[in-house]
C-alpha cells in the first residue's frame, strides 16, 4: 500500500472520528487511531482542502486546533444526509445483515438499528419484495462464535493457533497463523493469514476451523500486503470474464466436492451424486482441482472446457516425461 493510499484511509477514518466526538485531545486521538500527533496534524492540513461547490470560504471543512485539542466543523453541504439509490441501499443491506449476524455485540446492535432504518425506507418505496430476495443466509452458529475472536486477533496482531480441517487430505491439524484479514465470499467467510508451517499467506475457510486460541506472541503485518490485491489475485472477486462449467461428481466424492467447490449452483441427486455449476476464472486452477477427484468427476459442458482439460493432461504428461 503506498503512502497516498494510507493517508486517504487515515483521513476517511479521522473525519467521522472527530465528527462524533466534537472535540478531542491530540494525545487521545493519537492513541485511539494508532498514529502519531504529527501525522494527525498533517492529515488535518489535507482536510482543510475538502469542500463542496462553489468552494467559497464557508463551503470547506473547518479545522480548529486549540493548544492540544482539535475539532472540525462541516460545511453546510456536508450536513445533508446521503441519498442512496435502490441498488446502493440493497447492497448496504446485505453488508449490514452479515454484520448483524456475525459481528461483536456492539457492532451487531448498531447494524440491526441501521437495518431497521433501511427496511423502513424500502417499505416506503414499495420495495419490500426486492429486499426479501437479496436477504443473506446467516452463517452457522460456530462461525458466528469464531468471527469476533478472529477479528480480535486481527486488531491486536495476535498469533493464533487454529485447528483446521483440510477436506483434500481429510485431516485435522493445528496451525499457527498470523491473521491479516477476513473475506466474505459466496456465502462463506475466509480468514486470510500467514501460515507458519507453509511460510505463505493462505486463505482458510472459517467453517472448517474447529477451534482456536491466541498464542503468547504478536506479529507485524508487512506494509506491502494489501488485502484488496490479495482478494483479486485469488479470484474472490469475479472479473466478469469467467466461463461457466457444469461438472458431475460421483457419490464417492460428492461430500468433498461440496466442501471445496466454489459453485454458484449445487444440485444433489437421488443416487448420492451431485452436479455443480462453477464460474471458472482461472482454468489452470480449475483443471488441477478437478484432477484431485480422478475419474469421479466429469465436465459435462461446455465442450471447450473438456478440450482444455485434455490439453492440460497432455501438458502434465509431457512435463513428467521430460523430467525423466
Protein backbone atom coordinates (compact mmCIF):
# COMPACT_ATOMS: atom_id res chain seq x y z
CA UNK A 1 0.00 0.00 0.00
CA UNK A 2 1.53 3.37 -0.99
CA UNK A 3 1.73 6.45 1.24
CA UNK A 4 -1.12 8.27 -0.53
CA UNK A 5 -3.50 5.32 -0.06
CA UNK A 6 -2.57 5.07 3.62
CA UNK A 7 -3.14 8.79 4.11
CA UNK A 8 -6.55 8.73 2.38
CA UNK A 9 -7.62 5.81 4.57
CA UNK A 10 -6.45 7.63 7.69
CA UNK A 11 -8.36 10.77 6.69
CA UNK A 12 -11.54 8.79 5.96
CA UNK A 13 -11.24 7.37 9.48
CA UNK A 14 -10.24 10.68 11.07
CA UNK A 15 -13.18 12.79 9.79
CA UNK A 16 -16.03 10.67 11.25
CA UNK A 17 -13.96 10.07 14.40
CA UNK A 18 -13.67 13.81 15.08
CA UNK A 19 -17.23 14.46 13.92
CA UNK A 20 -18.59 12.03 16.52
CA UNK A 21 -16.53 13.39 19.40
CA UNK A 22 -16.84 17.10 18.56
CA UNK A 23 -13.65 17.95 20.45
CA UNK A 24 -10.80 15.63 21.42
CA UNK A 25 -7.22 15.96 22.60
CA UNK A 26 -4.44 15.10 20.18
CA UNK A 27 -3.00 12.63 22.69
CA UNK A 28 -6.28 10.68 22.89
CA UNK A 29 -6.79 10.77 19.11
CA UNK A 30 -3.22 9.56 18.56
CA UNK A 31 -3.71 6.63 20.94
CA UNK A 32 -7.14 5.57 19.64
CA UNK A 33 -6.31 5.97 15.93
CA UNK A 34 -2.89 4.35 16.18
CA UNK A 35 -0.93 7.15 14.53
CA UNK A 36 1.32 9.98 15.72
CA UNK A 37 0.22 13.52 16.59
CA UNK A 38 2.40 14.76 13.72
CA UNK A 39 0.51 12.50 11.27
CA UNK A 40 -2.85 13.73 12.56
CA UNK A 41 -1.86 17.39 12.14
CA UNK A 42 -0.58 16.71 8.61
CA UNK A 43 -3.81 14.90 7.74
CA UNK A 44 -5.82 17.84 9.08
CA UNK A 45 -3.98 20.12 6.65
CA UNK A 46 -5.42 17.95 3.86
CA UNK A 47 -8.89 18.03 5.43
CA UNK A 48 -8.81 21.82 5.19
CA UNK A 49 -8.84 21.45 1.39
CA UNK A 50 -12.06 19.36 1.38
CA UNK A 51 -15.24 21.20 0.44
CA UNK A 52 -18.30 21.38 -1.79
CA UNK A 53 -19.17 23.60 -4.79
CA UNK A 54 -18.96 26.53 -5.33
CA UNK A 55 -15.95 26.33 -2.98
CA UNK A 56 -16.45 29.63 -1.24
CA UNK A 57 -14.80 30.12 2.20
CA UNK A 58 -17.87 28.73 4.01
CA UNK A 59 -18.02 25.64 1.77
CA UNK A 60 -14.95 23.92 3.24
CA UNK A 61 -14.48 21.76 6.33
CA UNK A 62 -13.22 23.89 9.19
CA UNK A 63 -10.42 22.58 11.41
CA UNK A 64 -9.72 24.17 14.78
CA UNK A 65 -6.68 23.30 16.89
CA UNK A 66 -6.58 24.94 20.32
CA UNK A 67 -3.46 24.00 22.26
CA UNK A 68 -3.74 20.21 22.42
CA UNK A 69 -7.39 19.87 21.38
CA UNK A 70 -8.85 19.58 17.90
CA UNK A 71 -12.35 19.83 16.46
CA UNK A 72 -13.88 20.08 12.99
CA UNK A 73 -16.91 21.93 11.64
CA UNK A 74 -18.64 20.79 8.49
CA UNK A 75 -19.65 23.00 5.61
CA UNK A 76 -23.39 23.24 5.04
CA UNK A 77 -23.26 20.84 2.11
CA UNK A 78 -21.83 18.11 4.32
CA UNK A 79 -24.80 18.29 6.68
CA UNK A 80 -27.22 16.83 4.15
CA UNK A 81 -27.81 13.07 4.55
CA UNK A 82 -26.59 10.79 1.78
CA UNK A 83 -29.40 9.70 -0.57
CA UNK A 84 -28.84 6.09 -1.59
CA UNK A 85 -30.16 4.63 -4.81
CA UNK A 86 -32.18 1.40 -4.61
CA UNK A 87 -29.22 -0.77 -5.67
CA UNK A 88 -26.94 1.01 -3.17
CA UNK A 89 -29.50 0.53 -0.37
CA UNK A 90 -29.82 -3.19 -1.15
CA UNK A 91 -26.03 -3.54 -1.21
CA UNK A 92 -25.72 -1.83 2.18
CA UNK A 93 -28.50 -4.08 3.48
CA UNK A 94 -26.55 -7.22 2.52
CA UNK A 95 -23.43 -5.98 4.33
CA UNK A 96 -25.41 -4.99 7.43
CA UNK A 97 -27.12 -8.38 7.59
CA UNK A 98 -23.68 -10.02 7.65
CA UNK A 99 -22.56 -7.73 10.49
CA UNK A 100 -25.80 -8.20 12.42
CA UNK A 101 -25.35 -11.97 12.45
CA UNK A 102 -21.60 -12.30 12.93
CA UNK A 103 -20.04 -9.16 14.45
CA UNK A 104 -19.37 -8.27 18.06
CA UNK A 105 -22.38 -7.40 20.24
CA UNK A 106 -21.95 -3.61 19.99
CA UNK A 107 -21.36 -3.62 16.24
CA UNK A 108 -24.18 -6.11 15.65
CA UNK A 109 -26.57 -3.89 17.61
CA UNK A 110 -25.63 -0.86 15.50
CA UNK A 111 -26.04 -2.91 12.31
CA UNK A 112 -29.54 -4.02 13.35
CA UNK A 113 -30.59 -0.41 14.03
CA UNK A 114 -29.38 0.65 10.58
CA UNK A 115 -31.12 -2.35 9.03
CA UNK A 116 -34.41 -1.25 10.58
CA UNK A 117 -33.98 2.20 9.02
CA UNK A 118 -33.19 0.80 5.57
CA UNK A 119 -36.10 -1.67 5.75
CA UNK A 120 -38.44 1.18 6.68
CA UNK A 121 -37.27 3.25 3.69
CA UNK A 122 -37.53 0.27 1.32
CA UNK A 123 -41.02 -0.49 2.56
CA UNK A 124 -42.00 3.12 2.00
CA UNK A 125 -40.76 2.85 -1.58
CA UNK A 126 -42.70 -0.37 -2.14
CA UNK A 127 -39.52 -2.44 -2.41
CA UNK A 128 -40.07 -4.99 0.37
CA UNK A 129 -40.12 -7.82 -2.18
CA UNK A 130 -36.75 -6.81 -3.58
CA UNK A 131 -35.31 -6.63 -0.07
CA UNK A 132 -36.51 -10.16 0.70
CA UNK A 133 -34.97 -11.56 -2.48
CA UNK A 134 -31.50 -10.32 -1.51
CA UNK A 135 -31.68 -11.45 2.11
CA UNK A 136 -28.49 -13.28 3.09
CA UNK A 137 -28.35 -16.62 4.84
CA UNK A 138 -26.76 -16.15 8.29
CA UNK A 139 -23.50 -18.04 8.93
CA UNK A 140 -23.58 -21.22 11.06
CA UNK A 141 -23.56 -20.83 14.83
CA UNK A 142 -19.94 -21.95 15.28
CA UNK A 143 -18.81 -19.47 12.59
CA UNK A 144 -20.68 -16.64 14.36
CA UNK A 145 -18.79 -17.59 17.52
CA UNK A 146 -15.40 -17.64 15.79
CA UNK A 147 -15.67 -14.37 13.84
CA UNK A 148 -15.36 -11.98 16.84
CA UNK A 149 -12.34 -13.95 18.09
CA UNK A 150 -10.70 -13.76 14.67
CA UNK A 151 -11.40 -10.04 14.40
CA UNK A 152 -9.83 -9.53 17.83
CA UNK A 153 -6.72 -11.40 16.69
CA UNK A 154 -6.54 -9.22 13.57
CA UNK A 155 -6.92 -5.98 15.53
CA UNK A 156 -4.49 -6.96 18.30
CA UNK A 157 -1.95 -8.54 15.89
CA UNK A 158 -2.06 -11.72 17.94
CA UNK A 159 -0.73 -15.02 16.56
CA UNK A 160 -3.48 -17.65 16.70
CA UNK A 161 -3.40 -21.41 16.79
CA UNK A 162 -6.30 -22.84 14.79
CA UNK A 163 -7.48 -26.42 14.47
CA UNK A 164 -8.19 -26.61 10.75
CA UNK A 165 -9.89 -29.36 8.78
CA UNK A 166 -8.45 -30.00 5.32
CA UNK A 167 -11.04 -31.55 3.04
CA UNK A 168 -8.43 -32.59 0.47
CA UNK A 169 -6.43 -34.69 2.96
CA UNK A 170 -9.35 -35.38 5.34
CA UNK A 171 -7.19 -34.39 8.33
CA UNK A 172 -7.47 -32.03 11.27
CA UNK A 173 -4.25 -30.14 12.00
CA UNK A 174 -3.16 -27.41 14.40
CA UNK A 175 -1.66 -24.41 12.60
CA UNK A 176 -0.07 -21.23 13.94
CA UNK A 177 -1.24 -18.30 11.82
CA UNK A 178 -0.86 -14.52 11.67
CA UNK A 179 -4.40 -13.23 10.93
CA UNK A 180 -4.30 -10.46 8.31
CA UNK A 181 -8.00 -10.06 7.48
CA UNK A 182 -11.40 -11.61 6.82
CA UNK A 183 -13.16 -12.00 3.47
CA UNK A 184 -16.81 -12.81 2.85
CA UNK A 185 -17.33 -14.59 -0.46
CA UNK A 186 -20.23 -16.64 -1.89
CA UNK A 187 -21.99 -17.02 1.49
CA UNK A 188 -18.76 -18.08 3.20
CA UNK A 189 -16.16 -16.42 5.43
CA UNK A 190 -12.41 -16.82 4.82
CA UNK A 191 -9.53 -15.98 7.14
CA UNK A 192 -6.57 -14.54 5.24
CA UNK A 193 -3.47 -15.32 7.28
CA UNK A 194 0.22 -16.08 7.12
CA UNK A 195 0.77 -19.75 7.96
CA UNK A 196 3.95 -20.51 9.94
CA UNK A 197 4.12 -24.09 8.64
CA UNK A 198 3.67 -23.22 4.96
CA UNK A 199 5.55 -19.90 5.15
CA UNK A 200 2.96 -18.27 2.92
CA UNK A 201 -0.22 -16.18 3.05
CA UNK A 202 -3.19 -18.55 2.67
CA UNK A 203 -6.97 -18.41 2.86
CA UNK A 204 -8.74 -20.61 5.43
CA UNK A 205 -12.47 -21.30 5.35
CA UNK A 206 -13.80 -20.24 8.74
CA UNK A 207 -16.41 -23.01 8.77
CA UNK A 208 -13.53 -25.54 8.75
CA UNK A 209 -11.87 -24.05 11.83
CA UNK A 210 -12.79 -26.39 14.67
CA UNK A 211 -11.18 -24.35 17.40
CA UNK A 212 -8.72 -21.54 18.08
CA UNK A 213 -6.69 -19.99 20.85
CA UNK A 214 -4.39 -16.95 20.98
CA UNK A 215 -0.69 -17.67 21.46
CA UNK A 216 1.54 -15.55 23.68
CA UNK A 217 3.19 -13.74 20.80
CA UNK A 218 2.35 -10.99 18.36
CA UNK A 219 3.22 -10.24 14.74
CA UNK A 220 3.63 -7.32 12.34
CA UNK A 221 1.78 -7.37 9.05
CA UNK A 222 4.06 -6.41 6.13
CA UNK A 223 3.43 -2.92 4.75
CA UNK A 224 3.50 -4.44 1.28
CA UNK A 225 0.47 -6.67 1.97
CA UNK A 226 -2.83 -5.36 0.57
CA UNK A 227 -5.99 -7.34 1.33
CA UNK A 228 -7.77 -5.94 -1.72
CA UNK A 229 -4.98 -7.07 -4.04
CA UNK A 230 -4.90 -10.49 -2.39
CA UNK A 231 -8.64 -10.92 -2.97
CA UNK A 232 -8.22 -10.07 -6.64
CA UNK A 233 -5.27 -12.43 -7.08
CA UNK A 234 -7.21 -15.31 -5.51
CA UNK A 235 -10.35 -14.51 -7.53
CA UNK A 236 -12.56 -13.68 -4.57
CA UNK A 237 -13.99 -11.04 -6.88
CA UNK A 238 -15.10 -12.34 -10.29
CA UNK A 239 -13.68 -10.44 -13.24
CA UNK A 240 -16.76 -10.94 -15.41
CA UNK A 241 -14.63 -12.87 -17.91
CA UNK A 242 -15.14 -16.30 -16.31
CA UNK A 243 -16.55 -19.31 -18.17
CA UNK A 244 -19.38 -21.28 -16.59
CA UNK A 245 -18.73 -25.03 -16.44
CA UNK A 246 -21.14 -27.79 -15.38
CA UNK A 247 -19.50 -30.68 -13.54
CA UNK A 248 -20.84 -34.03 -12.31
CA UNK A 249 -19.37 -35.63 -9.16
CA UNK A 250 -19.88 -39.29 -8.28
CA UNK A 251 -21.38 -40.28 -4.93
CA UNK A 252 -17.95 -41.20 -3.51
CA UNK A 253 -16.62 -37.64 -3.82
CA UNK A 254 -19.80 -35.55 -3.63
CA UNK A 255 -19.27 -34.63 0.04
CA UNK A 256 -15.70 -33.47 -0.62
CA UNK A 257 -16.82 -31.57 -3.70
CA UNK A 258 -19.49 -29.81 -1.67
CA UNK A 259 -16.85 -28.75 0.86
CA UNK A 260 -14.34 -27.39 -1.65
CA UNK A 261 -16.36 -26.42 -4.71
CA UNK A 262 -16.74 -22.65 -5.44
CA UNK A 263 -20.08 -23.37 -7.10
CA UNK A 264 -22.78 -20.86 -7.99
CA UNK A 265 -25.30 -23.72 -8.11
CA UNK A 266 -25.15 -27.15 -6.49
CA UNK A 267 -27.71 -29.93 -7.07
CA UNK A 268 -27.80 -33.28 -5.24
CA UNK A 269 -29.21 -36.36 -6.96
CA UNK A 270 -31.08 -39.38 -5.58
CA UNK A 271 -28.12 -41.71 -6.18
CA UNK A 272 -25.85 -39.59 -3.97
CA UNK A 273 -24.02 -37.90 -6.83
CA UNK A 274 -24.24 -34.16 -7.49
CA UNK A 275 -23.93 -31.58 -10.24
CA UNK A 276 -22.34 -28.16 -9.84
CA UNK A 277 -22.16 -25.00 -11.93
CA UNK A 278 -18.82 -23.27 -11.49
CA UNK A 279 -17.64 -19.95 -12.92
CA UNK A 280 -14.04 -20.64 -13.93
CA UNK A 281 -11.84 -17.56 -13.70
CA UNK A 282 -8.51 -19.39 -13.91
CA UNK A 283 -8.52 -22.58 -15.98
CA UNK A 284 -5.20 -23.96 -14.65
CA UNK A 285 -6.52 -23.86 -11.07
CA UNK A 286 -9.82 -25.44 -12.15
CA UNK A 287 -8.14 -28.29 -14.03
CA UNK A 288 -5.77 -29.09 -11.16
CA UNK A 289 -8.70 -29.00 -8.73
CA UNK A 290 -10.66 -31.38 -10.95
CA UNK A 291 -7.78 -33.85 -11.12
CA UNK A 292 -7.88 -34.50 -7.38
CA UNK A 293 -11.20 -36.33 -7.91
CA UNK A 294 -9.79 -38.64 -10.61
CA UNK A 295 -12.44 -40.40 -12.67
CA UNK A 296 -15.12 -39.49 -10.10
CA UNK A 297 -15.57 -36.02 -11.63
CA UNK A 298 -16.62 -35.27 -15.19
CA UNK A 299 -17.06 -31.99 -17.06
CA UNK A 300 -20.48 -32.01 -18.74
CA UNK A 301 -20.21 -28.68 -20.53
CA UNK A 302 -19.01 -26.61 -22.30
CA UNK A 303 -17.03 -28.71 -24.80
CA UNK A 304 -14.20 -26.14 -24.74
CA UNK A 305 -13.60 -26.97 -21.07
CA UNK A 306 -13.42 -30.69 -21.85
CA UNK A 307 -10.85 -29.97 -24.56
CA UNK A 308 -8.96 -27.69 -22.18
CA UNK A 309 -8.75 -30.42 -19.53
CA UNK A 310 -7.44 -32.94 -22.09
CA UNK A 311 -4.80 -30.45 -23.22
CA UNK A 312 -3.84 -29.80 -19.59
CA UNK A 313 -3.41 -33.55 -19.01
CA UNK A 314 -1.26 -33.82 -22.14
CA UNK A 315 0.95 -30.98 -20.89
CA UNK A 316 1.29 -32.61 -17.46
CA UNK A 317 2.27 -35.90 -19.09
CA UNK A 318 4.82 -34.19 -21.35
CA UNK A 319 6.36 -32.41 -18.34
CA UNK A 320 6.68 -35.67 -16.42
CA UNK A 321 8.26 -37.46 -19.38
CA UNK A 322 10.71 -34.58 -19.90
CA UNK A 323 11.69 -34.78 -16.23
CA UNK A 324 12.64 -38.43 -16.78
